[in-house]
N, C-alpha and C. Protein backbone atom coordinates (compact mmCIF):
# COMPACT_ATOMS: atom_id res chain seq x y z
N TRP A 1 7.58 -11.67 24.58
CA TRP A 1 7.98 -10.87 23.81
C TRP A 1 9.03 -11.82 23.56
N PRO A 2 9.50 -11.89 22.62
CA PRO A 2 10.30 -12.64 22.21
C PRO A 2 11.87 -12.29 22.46
N PRO A 3 12.95 -13.49 22.43
CA PRO A 3 14.00 -12.88 22.42
C PRO A 3 15.19 -11.37 21.37
N ILE A 4 15.13 -10.56 22.27
CA ILE A 4 16.28 -10.05 21.17
C ILE A 4 16.82 -10.79 19.73
N GLY A 5 16.56 -10.34 18.43
CA GLY A 5 16.74 -10.62 17.25
C GLY A 5 15.87 -11.70 16.66
N LYS A 6 14.66 -12.01 17.95
CA LYS A 6 13.83 -12.86 16.62
C LYS A 6 12.50 -11.47 16.32
N PRO A 7 11.64 -11.72 15.07
CA PRO A 7 10.47 -10.99 15.00
C PRO A 7 9.67 -11.52 15.85
N PRO A 8 8.66 -10.68 16.32
CA PRO A 8 7.81 -10.95 16.71
C PRO A 8 6.70 -11.61 16.82
N PRO A 9 6.02 -13.05 16.65
CA PRO A 9 4.90 -14.41 16.44
C PRO A 9 4.55 -13.09 15.41
N PHE A 10 4.15 -13.94 13.98
CA PHE A 10 3.07 -13.80 12.94
C PHE A 10 1.51 -13.90 13.11
N HIS A 11 0.27 -13.44 13.47
CA HIS A 11 -0.57 -13.42 14.01
C HIS A 11 -1.52 -12.96 12.80
N PRO A 12 -2.02 -13.99 12.11
CA PRO A 12 -3.21 -13.33 10.88
C PRO A 12 -4.22 -12.69 11.14
N VAL A 13 -4.57 -11.22 10.56
CA VAL A 13 -5.86 -10.88 10.73
C VAL A 13 -6.28 -10.95 9.91
N ASN A 14 -7.67 -11.17 9.70
CA ASN A 14 -8.92 -10.31 8.64
C ASN A 14 -9.15 -9.50 9.05
N GLY A 15 -9.57 -9.42 6.93
CA GLY A 15 -9.19 -7.68 7.25
C GLY A 15 -10.16 -7.60 5.47
N PHE A 16 -10.55 -5.55 5.36
CA PHE A 16 -11.40 -5.64 3.92
C PHE A 16 -10.54 -3.94 3.93
N ASP A 17 -10.73 -3.67 2.48
CA ASP A 17 -10.38 -2.62 2.25
C ASP A 17 -12.08 -1.87 1.48
N SER A 18 -12.42 -0.65 1.28
CA SER A 18 -13.96 -0.66 1.14
C SER A 18 -13.96 1.35 1.45
N CYS A 19 -14.49 1.73 0.39
CA CYS A 19 -14.55 3.81 0.30
C CYS A 19 -15.48 3.94 1.23
N THR A 20 -14.65 4.41 2.70
CA THR A 20 -15.11 4.35 3.97
C THR A 20 -16.45 4.11 4.33
N PRO A 21 -16.29 2.88 5.60
CA PRO A 21 -17.43 2.24 5.53
C PRO A 21 -18.11 3.62 6.91
N SER A 22 -19.22 2.61 7.61
CA SER A 22 -19.72 3.81 8.26
C SER A 22 -19.28 3.47 9.92
N LEU A 23 -19.44 3.65 10.87
CA LEU A 23 -19.07 3.20 11.76
C LEU A 23 -20.20 2.46 13.17
N ASP A 24 -21.25 2.55 12.12
CA ASP A 24 -22.13 1.02 12.76
C ASP A 24 -21.15 0.00 11.67
N THR A 25 -21.02 0.07 10.71
CA THR A 25 -20.89 -0.93 9.72
C THR A 25 -18.97 -1.81 10.86
N ILE A 26 -18.16 -0.94 10.88
CA ILE A 26 -16.99 -0.85 11.56
C ILE A 26 -17.60 -1.64 13.24
N ARG A 27 -18.47 -1.47 13.40
CA ARG A 27 -18.84 -2.15 14.58
C ARG A 27 -19.51 -3.46 14.56
N ALA A 28 -20.18 -3.35 13.46
CA ALA A 28 -20.92 -4.79 12.91
C ALA A 28 -20.44 -5.89 12.95
N TRP A 29 -19.14 -4.67 12.29
CA TRP A 29 -17.93 -6.66 11.35
C TRP A 29 -16.80 -6.42 11.78
N ARG A 30 -17.31 -5.75 13.80
CA ARG A 30 -15.46 -6.29 14.48
C ARG A 30 -15.34 -7.65 14.55
N HIS A 31 -16.14 -8.38 15.08
CA HIS A 31 -16.05 -9.74 15.47
C HIS A 31 -15.47 -10.25 13.72
N ALA A 32 -14.93 -10.17 13.04
CA ALA A 32 -14.99 -11.09 12.26
C ALA A 32 -13.58 -10.70 11.04
N PHE A 33 -13.37 -8.67 11.50
CA PHE A 33 -12.49 -8.46 10.76
C PHE A 33 -11.85 -7.85 12.13
N GLY A 34 -10.21 -7.14 11.73
CA GLY A 34 -9.13 -6.50 12.70
C GLY A 34 -8.70 -5.80 11.62
N ALA A 35 -8.74 -5.25 10.66
CA ALA A 35 -7.91 -4.21 9.79
C ALA A 35 -9.09 -3.95 8.73
N VAL A 36 -8.53 -3.00 8.49
CA VAL A 36 -9.39 -2.03 7.43
C VAL A 36 -8.39 -1.11 7.38
N GLY A 37 -8.61 -1.35 5.18
CA GLY A 37 -7.80 -0.58 4.31
C GLY A 37 -8.49 1.18 4.23
N ILE A 38 -8.32 2.24 4.01
CA ILE A 38 -8.73 3.44 4.31
C ILE A 38 -8.90 4.04 2.62
N TYR A 39 -9.31 5.01 2.19
CA TYR A 39 -7.93 5.14 0.79
C TYR A 39 -7.82 7.16 1.66
N ILE A 40 -6.97 7.87 1.46
CA ILE A 40 -6.74 8.71 2.40
C ILE A 40 -6.40 9.72 1.40
N GLY A 41 -6.27 9.73 -0.20
CA GLY A 41 -6.17 10.34 -1.27
C GLY A 41 -5.22 10.06 -2.96
N GLY A 42 -4.95 11.27 -3.41
CA GLY A 42 -3.88 10.82 -5.26
C GLY A 42 -5.20 10.75 -5.61
N LEU A 43 -4.76 11.60 -6.69
CA LEU A 43 -5.38 11.77 -7.69
C LEU A 43 -6.20 10.83 -8.99
N ASN A 44 -6.34 9.58 -8.37
CA ASN A 44 -6.30 8.50 -9.52
C ASN A 44 -7.18 8.17 -7.99
N MET A 45 -7.39 8.40 -7.52
CA MET A 45 -8.26 7.43 -6.22
C MET A 45 -9.94 7.34 -6.57
N GLY A 46 -10.40 6.27 -6.67
CA GLY A 46 -11.28 5.99 -6.76
C GLY A 46 -12.75 6.56 -6.47
N CYS A 47 -12.74 6.47 -5.82
CA CYS A 47 -14.24 6.69 -4.80
C CYS A 47 -13.36 8.04 -3.31
N SER A 48 -14.72 9.19 -3.35
CA SER A 48 -14.78 9.99 -2.64
C SER A 48 -14.77 9.26 -0.88
N PHE A 49 -14.23 11.09 -0.19
CA PHE A 49 -13.97 10.67 0.56
C PHE A 49 -14.92 9.90 2.17
N GLY A 50 -16.15 10.43 1.78
CA GLY A 50 -17.40 9.90 2.61
C GLY A 50 -17.11 10.32 3.68
N THR A 51 -17.29 8.67 4.74
CA THR A 51 -17.29 9.67 6.25
C THR A 51 -15.96 9.58 6.51
N LEU A 52 -15.09 9.35 6.14
CA LEU A 52 -14.02 9.46 6.69
C LEU A 52 -12.73 10.60 7.42
N SER A 53 -12.73 10.75 8.50
CA SER A 53 -12.38 12.08 9.08
C SER A 53 -11.53 11.88 10.11
N ALA A 54 -11.02 12.72 10.61
CA ALA A 54 -9.65 12.62 11.55
C ALA A 54 -10.73 12.05 12.81
N GLY A 55 -11.72 12.19 13.11
CA GLY A 55 -12.14 11.80 14.27
C GLY A 55 -13.22 10.59 13.69
N TRP A 56 -12.86 9.89 12.21
CA TRP A 56 -13.51 8.22 12.42
C TRP A 56 -11.79 8.24 13.03
N VAL A 57 -11.27 8.48 12.17
CA VAL A 57 -9.90 6.98 12.41
C VAL A 57 -9.79 6.92 13.84
N ARG A 58 -10.22 8.35 14.90
CA ARG A 58 -10.04 7.89 16.50
C ARG A 58 -10.60 7.30 16.76
N SER A 59 -12.29 6.70 16.42
CA SER A 59 -13.17 6.15 16.20
C SER A 59 -12.57 4.17 16.36
N VAL A 60 -12.42 4.96 15.05
CA VAL A 60 -11.79 3.16 14.76
C VAL A 60 -10.56 2.91 15.54
N ALA A 61 -10.16 3.82 15.30
CA ALA A 61 -8.44 2.87 16.17
C ALA A 61 -9.40 2.57 18.38
N GLY A 62 -10.41 3.17 18.12
CA GLY A 62 -11.10 3.42 19.89
C GLY A 62 -11.29 1.67 20.40
N LEU A 63 -12.39 1.09 19.12
CA LEU A 63 -13.03 0.26 18.69
C LEU A 63 -11.91 -1.08 18.42
N GLY A 64 -9.60 -0.77 18.24
CA GLY A 64 -9.50 -2.35 18.09
C GLY A 64 -8.64 -2.42 16.57
N TRP A 65 -9.84 -1.88 15.81
CA TRP A 65 -8.78 -2.08 14.72
C TRP A 65 -7.64 -1.39 13.84
N GLY A 66 -6.90 -2.05 13.46
CA GLY A 66 -6.12 -1.55 12.19
C GLY A 66 -6.47 -0.79 10.98
N MET A 67 -4.94 -0.17 10.75
CA MET A 67 -5.78 0.96 9.32
C MET A 67 -4.72 0.58 8.47
N LEU A 68 -4.59 0.45 6.80
CA LEU A 68 -3.89 0.45 6.06
C LEU A 68 -3.92 2.21 5.32
N PRO A 69 -3.87 3.36 5.58
CA PRO A 69 -4.05 3.92 5.50
C PRO A 69 -3.31 3.92 3.47
N THR A 70 -4.87 4.04 2.22
CA THR A 70 -3.79 4.18 1.08
C THR A 70 -4.14 5.35 0.55
N TYR A 71 -2.83 5.53 -0.31
CA TYR A 71 -2.59 6.61 -1.47
C TYR A 71 -2.30 6.15 -2.70
N VAL A 72 -3.90 6.95 -4.07
CA VAL A 72 -3.39 5.98 -5.04
C VAL A 72 -3.48 7.62 -5.59
N GLY A 73 -2.15 7.13 -6.71
CA GLY A 73 -1.71 8.13 -6.87
C GLY A 73 -1.21 7.70 -8.42
N LEU A 74 -0.21 8.94 -9.28
CA LEU A 74 -0.23 8.62 -10.58
C LEU A 74 0.42 6.33 -11.06
N GLN A 75 -0.30 5.85 -11.88
CA GLN A 75 -0.18 4.98 -12.01
C GLN A 75 1.29 4.71 -13.60
N ALA A 76 1.62 3.25 -13.73
CA ALA A 76 2.51 2.79 -14.46
C ALA A 76 1.93 3.85 -16.26
N PRO A 77 3.19 3.78 -16.72
CA PRO A 77 2.53 4.53 -17.87
C PRO A 77 1.82 3.12 -18.62
N CYS A 78 2.47 1.43 -18.72
CA CYS A 78 1.86 0.20 -19.11
C CYS A 78 0.50 -0.12 -18.57
N THR A 79 -0.17 0.82 -17.66
CA THR A 79 -0.99 -0.26 -16.21
C THR A 79 -2.02 -0.80 -17.43
N ASN A 80 -2.77 -1.64 -16.86
CA ASN A 80 -3.94 -2.04 -17.27
C ASN A 80 -5.00 -1.49 -17.40
N ALA A 81 -5.04 -0.64 -15.98
CA ALA A 81 -6.55 0.43 -16.23
C ALA A 81 -6.39 1.37 -16.79
N GLY A 82 -7.79 1.87 -17.66
CA GLY A 82 -7.89 2.76 -18.06
C GLY A 82 -8.10 4.39 -18.02
N GLY A 83 -7.89 5.17 -18.42
CA GLY A 83 -8.17 6.48 -17.99
C GLY A 83 -8.27 6.63 -16.74
N THR A 84 -6.74 6.29 -16.78
CA THR A 84 -6.04 6.76 -15.00
C THR A 84 -4.47 8.27 -15.77
N SER A 85 -4.26 9.05 -14.83
CA SER A 85 -3.38 9.69 -15.17
C SER A 85 -1.59 8.94 -14.13
N VAL A 86 -0.65 9.10 -15.00
CA VAL A 86 0.29 7.93 -14.71
C VAL A 86 1.91 8.92 -14.91
N ILE A 87 3.31 7.92 -14.65
CA ILE A 87 4.12 8.56 -14.14
C ILE A 87 4.35 9.05 -15.59
N ASN A 88 5.16 9.99 -15.66
CA ASN A 88 5.80 10.63 -16.73
C ASN A 88 7.06 9.95 -17.00
N GLN A 89 7.67 8.97 -17.95
CA GLN A 89 9.29 8.75 -17.76
C GLN A 89 10.47 9.11 -17.22
N GLY A 90 10.12 10.56 -17.68
CA GLY A 90 11.54 11.09 -17.70
C GLY A 90 11.12 12.36 -16.39
N GLN A 91 10.26 12.08 -15.62
CA GLN A 91 10.38 12.81 -13.95
C GLN A 91 9.34 11.69 -13.25
N ALA A 92 10.51 10.31 -13.10
CA ALA A 92 9.55 9.69 -13.02
C ALA A 92 9.87 9.80 -10.90
N ALA A 93 11.29 9.92 -10.65
CA ALA A 93 11.58 10.16 -9.12
C ALA A 93 10.93 11.56 -8.83
N ALA A 94 11.26 12.72 -9.44
CA ALA A 94 10.55 13.46 -9.14
C ALA A 94 9.38 13.95 -8.58
N GLU A 95 8.46 12.64 -9.50
CA GLU A 95 6.95 13.02 -9.46
C GLU A 95 6.85 12.36 -8.00
N GLY A 96 7.57 10.95 -8.00
CA GLY A 96 7.53 9.70 -7.06
C GLY A 96 8.00 10.85 -4.95
N ARG A 97 9.11 11.70 -5.85
CA ARG A 97 9.34 12.53 -4.55
C ARG A 97 8.02 13.67 -4.47
N GLN A 98 6.76 14.20 -4.44
CA GLN A 98 5.67 15.12 -4.34
C GLN A 98 4.87 13.78 -4.32
N SER A 99 4.60 12.64 -4.59
CA SER A 99 3.63 11.99 -3.50
C SER A 99 3.89 11.39 -2.95
N GLY A 100 5.17 11.51 -2.40
CA GLY A 100 4.99 10.97 -1.34
C GLY A 100 5.06 11.83 -0.15
N GLN A 101 5.31 13.62 -0.46
CA GLN A 101 5.33 14.56 0.65
C GLN A 101 3.66 14.79 0.46
N GLU A 102 2.67 14.01 -0.84
CA GLU A 102 1.20 14.97 -1.18
C GLU A 102 0.69 13.17 -0.05
N ALA A 103 1.16 12.41 0.29
CA ALA A 103 0.66 11.11 0.69
C ALA A 103 1.08 11.51 2.18
N VAL A 104 1.91 11.85 2.81
CA VAL A 104 2.25 12.09 3.95
C VAL A 104 1.37 13.37 4.60
N ALA A 105 1.30 14.74 4.10
CA ALA A 105 0.02 15.18 4.67
C ALA A 105 -1.33 15.42 4.55
N ASP A 106 -1.29 13.46 3.02
CA ASP A 106 -3.18 13.38 3.09
C ASP A 106 -3.54 12.40 5.14
N ALA A 107 -1.88 11.37 4.59
CA ALA A 107 -1.45 11.10 6.04
C ALA A 107 -2.24 12.30 7.58
N ARG A 108 -1.58 12.62 7.64
CA ARG A 108 -0.76 14.28 9.09
C ARG A 108 -2.69 14.16 8.77
N THR A 109 -3.55 14.57 7.20
CA THR A 109 -5.10 15.11 8.22
C THR A 109 -5.70 14.24 8.45
N PHE A 110 -5.39 13.35 8.28
CA PHE A 110 -6.61 11.94 8.84
C PHE A 110 -6.03 11.62 10.04
N GLY A 111 -5.43 12.16 11.42
CA GLY A 111 -5.11 11.70 12.42
C GLY A 111 -3.74 11.39 12.11
N PHE A 112 -2.80 10.01 11.17
CA PHE A 112 -2.20 9.07 11.59
C PHE A 112 -1.09 10.07 11.66
N GLY A 113 -0.08 9.61 12.36
CA GLY A 113 1.01 10.61 12.99
C GLY A 113 2.35 9.41 12.63
N PRO A 114 4.01 9.94 12.68
CA PRO A 114 5.16 9.48 12.37
C PRO A 114 5.20 8.02 12.41
N GLY A 115 5.33 7.32 12.49
CA GLY A 115 5.33 5.98 12.13
C GLY A 115 4.67 5.33 12.10
N SER A 116 3.48 5.99 11.53
CA SER A 116 2.09 5.07 10.88
C SER A 116 2.96 4.84 9.42
N PRO A 117 2.57 3.40 9.23
CA PRO A 117 2.50 3.25 7.85
C PRO A 117 1.36 4.35 6.78
N VAL A 118 2.04 4.06 5.57
CA VAL A 118 1.36 4.85 4.28
C VAL A 118 1.92 4.08 3.31
N TYR A 119 0.09 3.18 2.23
CA TYR A 119 0.49 2.08 1.19
C TYR A 119 0.29 3.21 0.16
N TYR A 120 0.99 3.18 -0.77
CA TYR A 120 0.79 3.45 -2.36
C TYR A 120 0.12 1.99 -3.18
N ASP A 121 -1.17 2.75 -4.17
CA ASP A 121 -1.82 1.91 -4.32
C ASP A 121 -1.28 1.21 -5.83
N MET A 122 -0.23 1.07 -6.77
CA MET A 122 -0.30 0.64 -7.82
C MET A 122 -0.88 -0.27 -8.32
N GLU A 123 -1.65 -0.23 -9.21
CA GLU A 123 -2.24 -1.22 -9.50
C GLU A 123 -1.88 -1.97 -11.01
N GLY A 124 -2.67 -2.95 -11.09
CA GLY A 124 -1.29 -3.64 -12.20
C GLY A 124 -1.33 -2.92 -13.85
N TYR A 125 0.28 -4.04 -13.48
CA TYR A 125 0.37 -3.15 -15.52
C TYR A 125 0.91 -4.01 -15.86
N ASN A 126 1.78 -3.58 -17.55
CA ASN A 126 2.10 -4.83 -18.10
C ASN A 126 3.95 -4.72 -17.57
N ALA A 127 3.68 -6.22 -16.71
CA ALA A 127 5.61 -6.36 -16.26
C ALA A 127 6.59 -6.95 -17.47
N THR A 128 6.26 -6.76 -18.80
CA THR A 128 7.17 -7.63 -19.50
C THR A 128 7.57 -6.17 -20.35
N ASP A 129 7.53 -4.48 -19.43
CA ASP A 129 7.59 -3.95 -20.57
C ASP A 129 9.25 -3.35 -19.45
N ALA A 130 9.81 -3.61 -19.85
CA ALA A 130 11.43 -3.10 -18.89
C ALA A 130 11.29 -1.56 -18.78
N GLY A 131 11.11 -0.78 -19.91
CA GLY A 131 11.17 0.34 -19.48
C GLY A 131 10.32 0.91 -18.86
N CYS A 132 9.12 0.36 -18.97
CA CYS A 132 7.92 1.04 -17.53
C CYS A 132 8.40 0.35 -16.09
N VAL A 133 8.87 -1.05 -16.24
CA VAL A 133 8.83 -1.46 -15.49
C VAL A 133 10.31 -0.80 -14.52
N SER A 134 11.37 -0.50 -15.02
CA SER A 134 12.34 0.55 -14.27
C SER A 134 11.42 2.32 -14.14
N THR A 135 10.73 2.58 -14.74
CA THR A 135 10.39 3.52 -14.19
C THR A 135 9.20 4.02 -13.10
N VAL A 136 8.24 1.93 -12.68
CA VAL A 136 7.29 2.08 -11.46
C VAL A 136 8.63 1.87 -10.06
N LEU A 137 9.57 1.53 -10.59
CA LEU A 137 11.10 1.22 -9.67
C LEU A 137 11.33 2.56 -8.91
N THR A 138 11.50 3.67 -10.05
CA THR A 138 11.77 4.34 -9.86
C THR A 138 11.20 5.41 -9.42
N TYR A 139 10.24 5.61 -9.25
CA TYR A 139 8.08 6.28 -9.06
C TYR A 139 8.58 6.41 -6.68
N LEU A 140 8.41 5.13 -7.10
CA LEU A 140 8.31 4.33 -5.86
C LEU A 140 9.79 4.15 -5.19
N SER A 141 10.64 4.28 -5.05
CA SER A 141 12.22 4.36 -4.46
C SER A 141 12.12 5.83 -4.33
N ALA A 142 11.49 7.04 -5.18
CA ALA A 142 11.28 8.15 -4.33
C ALA A 142 10.00 8.50 -3.82
N TRP A 143 9.07 7.53 -3.67
CA TRP A 143 8.21 8.08 -3.53
C TRP A 143 8.44 7.16 -1.17
N ASP A 144 9.12 6.17 -1.48
CA ASP A 144 9.67 5.40 -0.73
C ASP A 144 10.37 6.20 0.95
N ARG A 145 11.68 6.34 -0.35
CA ARG A 145 12.69 8.13 -0.12
C ARG A 145 11.89 8.98 0.69
N GLN A 146 10.90 9.18 0.03
CA GLN A 146 10.03 10.86 0.57
C GLN A 146 9.57 10.42 2.13
N VAL A 147 8.26 9.39 1.78
CA VAL A 147 8.32 9.26 3.47
C VAL A 147 8.01 8.70 4.21
N ASN A 148 9.83 7.74 4.15
CA ASN A 148 10.89 7.61 5.52
C ASN A 148 11.34 9.36 6.11
N ALA A 149 11.36 9.33 4.99
CA ALA A 149 12.49 11.19 5.41
C ALA A 149 11.28 11.89 6.08
N GLU A 150 9.87 11.90 6.47
CA GLU A 150 9.57 12.26 6.64
C GLU A 150 8.27 11.73 7.84
N GLY A 151 9.16 10.97 8.20
CA GLY A 151 8.97 9.96 9.44
C GLY A 151 8.24 8.38 9.52
N TYR A 152 7.16 9.16 8.19
CA TYR A 152 7.03 7.36 8.27
C TYR A 152 7.04 6.20 7.64
N LEU A 153 6.41 5.03 7.60
CA LEU A 153 6.42 4.23 6.92
C LEU A 153 6.33 3.66 5.76
N SER A 154 7.09 3.92 4.97
CA SER A 154 6.81 2.89 3.51
C SER A 154 6.20 1.84 2.76
N ALA A 155 4.71 1.80 2.18
CA ALA A 155 4.20 0.54 2.07
C ALA A 155 4.14 0.39 0.56
N VAL A 156 3.14 -0.60 0.15
CA VAL A 156 2.86 -0.38 -1.39
C VAL A 156 1.87 -1.51 -1.49
N TYR A 157 1.06 -1.70 -1.80
CA TYR A 157 -0.19 -2.07 -2.45
C TYR A 157 0.22 -2.78 -3.99
N SER A 158 -0.17 -3.72 -4.67
CA SER A 158 -0.25 -3.45 -5.71
C SER A 158 -0.20 -5.44 -6.33
N SER A 159 -0.83 -5.70 -7.59
CA SER A 159 -0.83 -6.97 -7.94
C SER A 159 0.66 -7.79 -7.53
N GLN A 160 0.55 -9.47 -7.06
CA GLN A 160 1.30 -10.02 -7.00
C GLN A 160 2.16 -9.92 -8.54
N ASP A 161 1.65 -10.14 -9.94
CA ASP A 161 2.36 -10.49 -11.36
C ASP A 161 3.00 -9.12 -11.25
N SER A 162 2.82 -7.71 -11.09
CA SER A 162 3.33 -6.70 -11.63
C SER A 162 3.84 -6.46 -10.80
N GLY A 163 3.64 -5.09 -10.04
CA GLY A 163 4.34 -4.72 -8.68
C GLY A 163 5.08 -4.74 -7.79
N ILE A 164 4.64 -6.41 -7.00
CA ILE A 164 5.18 -7.22 -6.62
C ILE A 164 6.27 -8.02 -6.73
N ALA A 165 6.30 -8.23 -8.00
CA ALA A 165 6.85 -9.58 -8.39
C ALA A 165 7.99 -8.64 -8.47
N ASP A 166 7.45 -7.24 -8.94
CA ASP A 166 8.97 -6.10 -9.64
C ASP A 166 10.13 -5.94 -8.27
N LEU A 167 9.10 -5.93 -7.52
CA LEU A 167 9.81 -5.47 -5.95
C LEU A 167 10.77 -6.03 -5.21
N GLN A 168 10.55 -6.94 -5.45
CA GLN A 168 10.66 -8.62 -4.41
C GLN A 168 12.03 -8.81 -5.96
N ALA A 169 12.25 -8.72 -7.25
CA ALA A 169 13.00 -9.29 -8.22
C ALA A 169 13.96 -7.91 -7.52
N ALA A 170 13.56 -6.37 -7.32
CA ALA A 170 14.97 -5.48 -7.47
C ALA A 170 15.39 -5.70 -6.59
N THR A 171 15.09 -6.22 -5.06
CA THR A 171 15.78 -6.45 -3.85
C THR A 171 16.38 -7.48 -3.52
N LEU A 172 16.29 -8.88 -4.00
CA LEU A 172 16.68 -9.42 -4.40
C LEU A 172 17.91 -9.55 -5.33
N ALA A 173 18.32 -8.58 -6.57
CA ALA A 173 18.98 -8.41 -7.16
C ALA A 173 19.63 -7.09 -6.43
N LYS A 174 19.26 -6.41 -5.66
CA LYS A 174 20.38 -5.01 -5.19
C LYS A 174 20.11 -4.14 -6.24
N THR A 175 19.57 -4.04 -7.22
CA THR A 175 19.86 -2.92 -7.77
C THR A 175 19.77 -2.46 -7.45
N PRO A 176 21.21 -0.74 -8.50
CA PRO A 176 21.77 0.15 -7.36
C PRO A 176 20.23 1.54 -7.17
N GLY A 177 20.25 2.15 -6.45
CA GLY A 177 19.11 2.91 -6.45
C GLY A 177 17.52 2.66 -6.06
N PHE A 178 17.47 1.42 -6.21
CA PHE A 178 16.19 1.06 -5.63
C PHE A 178 16.66 0.55 -3.93
N VAL A 179 14.91 1.41 -3.60
CA VAL A 179 14.79 2.08 -2.35
C VAL A 179 13.41 0.35 -1.67
N LYS A 180 13.56 -0.16 -1.17
CA LYS A 180 12.56 -1.51 -0.21
C LYS A 180 11.59 -0.61 0.31
N PRO A 181 9.96 -1.23 0.02
CA PRO A 181 9.57 -0.38 1.58
C PRO A 181 9.43 -1.06 2.18
N ASP A 182 8.71 -0.98 2.81
CA ASP A 182 9.04 -1.13 4.51
C ASP A 182 8.06 -1.83 4.86
N GLY A 183 6.70 -2.70 4.24
CA GLY A 183 5.79 -3.65 2.95
C GLY A 183 5.23 -3.38 2.60
N VAL A 184 4.57 -4.17 2.48
CA VAL A 184 3.44 -4.76 1.32
C VAL A 184 1.98 -5.12 0.85
N TRP A 185 1.83 -5.22 0.22
CA TRP A 185 0.09 -5.83 0.59
C TRP A 185 -0.34 -5.92 -0.59
N ILE A 186 -0.16 -7.54 -1.60
CA ILE A 186 -0.05 -8.21 -2.10
C ILE A 186 -1.81 -8.64 -2.65
N ALA A 187 -1.99 -8.21 -4.08
CA ALA A 187 -3.61 -8.46 -4.76
C ALA A 187 -3.37 -10.14 -5.04
N LEU A 188 -4.18 -10.36 -4.57
CA LEU A 188 -3.86 -11.54 -5.04
C LEU A 188 -5.80 -12.04 -5.68
N TRP A 189 -5.97 -12.30 -7.42
CA TRP A 189 -6.93 -12.31 -7.50
C TRP A 189 -7.24 -13.12 -7.85
N ASP A 190 -7.22 -15.03 -7.32
CA ASP A 190 -7.22 -15.71 -7.39
C ASP A 190 -8.83 -16.69 -6.43
N ASN A 191 -10.45 -16.25 -5.76
CA ASN A 191 -10.43 -15.85 -5.58
C ASN A 191 -10.78 -17.64 -4.39
N VAL A 192 -9.40 -17.20 -3.84
CA VAL A 192 -9.08 -18.18 -2.63
C VAL A 192 -8.72 -16.79 -1.88
N PRO A 193 -10.01 -17.15 -0.85
CA PRO A 193 -8.88 -16.06 1.17
C PRO A 193 -9.13 -16.82 1.38
N SER A 194 -7.19 -16.07 1.39
CA SER A 194 -5.84 -17.04 2.73
C SER A 194 -4.68 -16.47 2.09
N LEU A 195 -4.17 -15.74 3.04
CA LEU A 195 -2.87 -15.93 2.94
C LEU A 195 -1.49 -17.31 2.75
N GLY A 196 -1.94 -18.15 2.52
CA GLY A 196 -1.10 -18.75 2.06
C GLY A 196 -0.30 -19.51 0.37
N ASP A 197 -0.72 -18.77 -0.18
CA ASP A 197 -1.49 -19.59 -1.40
C ASP A 197 -0.70 -18.50 -2.54
N GLY A 198 0.48 -17.44 -2.65
CA GLY A 198 1.16 -17.35 -3.17
C GLY A 198 2.32 -18.00 -3.69
N ASN A 199 3.06 -17.38 -4.77
CA ASN A 199 3.70 -17.88 -5.45
C ASN A 199 5.08 -16.62 -5.05
N LEU A 200 5.28 -16.51 -3.97
CA LEU A 200 6.45 -15.95 -3.73
C LEU A 200 7.65 -16.39 -2.96
N GLY A 201 7.08 -17.14 -2.10
CA GLY A 201 7.60 -18.16 -1.42
C GLY A 201 8.17 -17.82 -0.50
N GLU A 202 9.09 -18.07 0.62
CA GLU A 202 8.33 -17.25 2.59
C GLU A 202 9.64 -16.56 2.55
N GLY A 203 8.81 -15.79 3.67
CA GLY A 203 8.84 -14.69 3.24
C GLY A 203 8.62 -13.47 3.04
N ALA A 204 7.49 -13.47 1.93
CA ALA A 204 6.39 -12.48 1.89
C ALA A 204 5.36 -12.06 2.84
N CYS A 205 5.45 -11.03 2.82
CA CYS A 205 4.22 -10.45 3.93
C CYS A 205 3.08 -10.24 3.08
N THR A 206 2.32 -10.64 3.12
CA THR A 206 1.13 -11.58 2.80
C THR A 206 0.02 -10.39 2.90
N ALA A 207 -1.16 -9.54 2.65
CA ALA A 207 -2.48 -9.47 3.21
C ALA A 207 -3.36 -9.18 1.24
N GLN A 208 -3.66 -10.54 0.93
CA GLN A 208 -3.67 -10.94 -0.03
C GLN A 208 -6.06 -10.59 0.35
N ARG A 209 -6.67 -10.21 -1.47
CA ARG A 209 -7.68 -10.13 -2.22
C ARG A 209 -8.44 -11.51 -2.27
N GLY A 210 -9.28 -12.41 -1.51
CA GLY A 210 -9.55 -13.63 -1.86
C GLY A 210 -10.47 -13.14 -2.95
N GLN A 211 -11.35 -12.19 -3.60
CA GLN A 211 -12.51 -12.10 -4.28
C GLN A 211 -12.86 -10.32 -5.08
């Protein structure tokens, strides 16, 4: 273990996300992967729970996998995805708190205890719309506070060019009222399966999609 004050060494792990793969798939893919993103809830979740259960989670953990439980809640008012439920700009903080409560309840349902990360899936949006960006940051800050208050780690999955860039900008600017997440998962749709080809600079923790 490294000396006090120094972070542990970084060991990249290959992973993927899927609408809950079968245990047979998990076993077959273990030689090449060590992490799997799974969808635990949210009104904008795009797939059914399928084989996902607390028993599935226990079995997958027993096989040595890490998991990224992901909640797909309300999206940005200026989202690029059609047909989704979006944040009410006048109720962003209240809706963020409610979503945080729901996400933690979902995590508990599937056996993820306190200390586990819970990821918020904020799909790409128009980051040139200042009012929309402010709404997203208010919502995610409230979500982060609620998830942390219930003993879980808050994390956000989003596009490098919208959600992630705005989170980083607010962090660097020390925007009043903003709460940064404990972790991020960066979506970079460049067809390059790499953790090192983004443009956010040193210190960005990435889990990028290459295709």
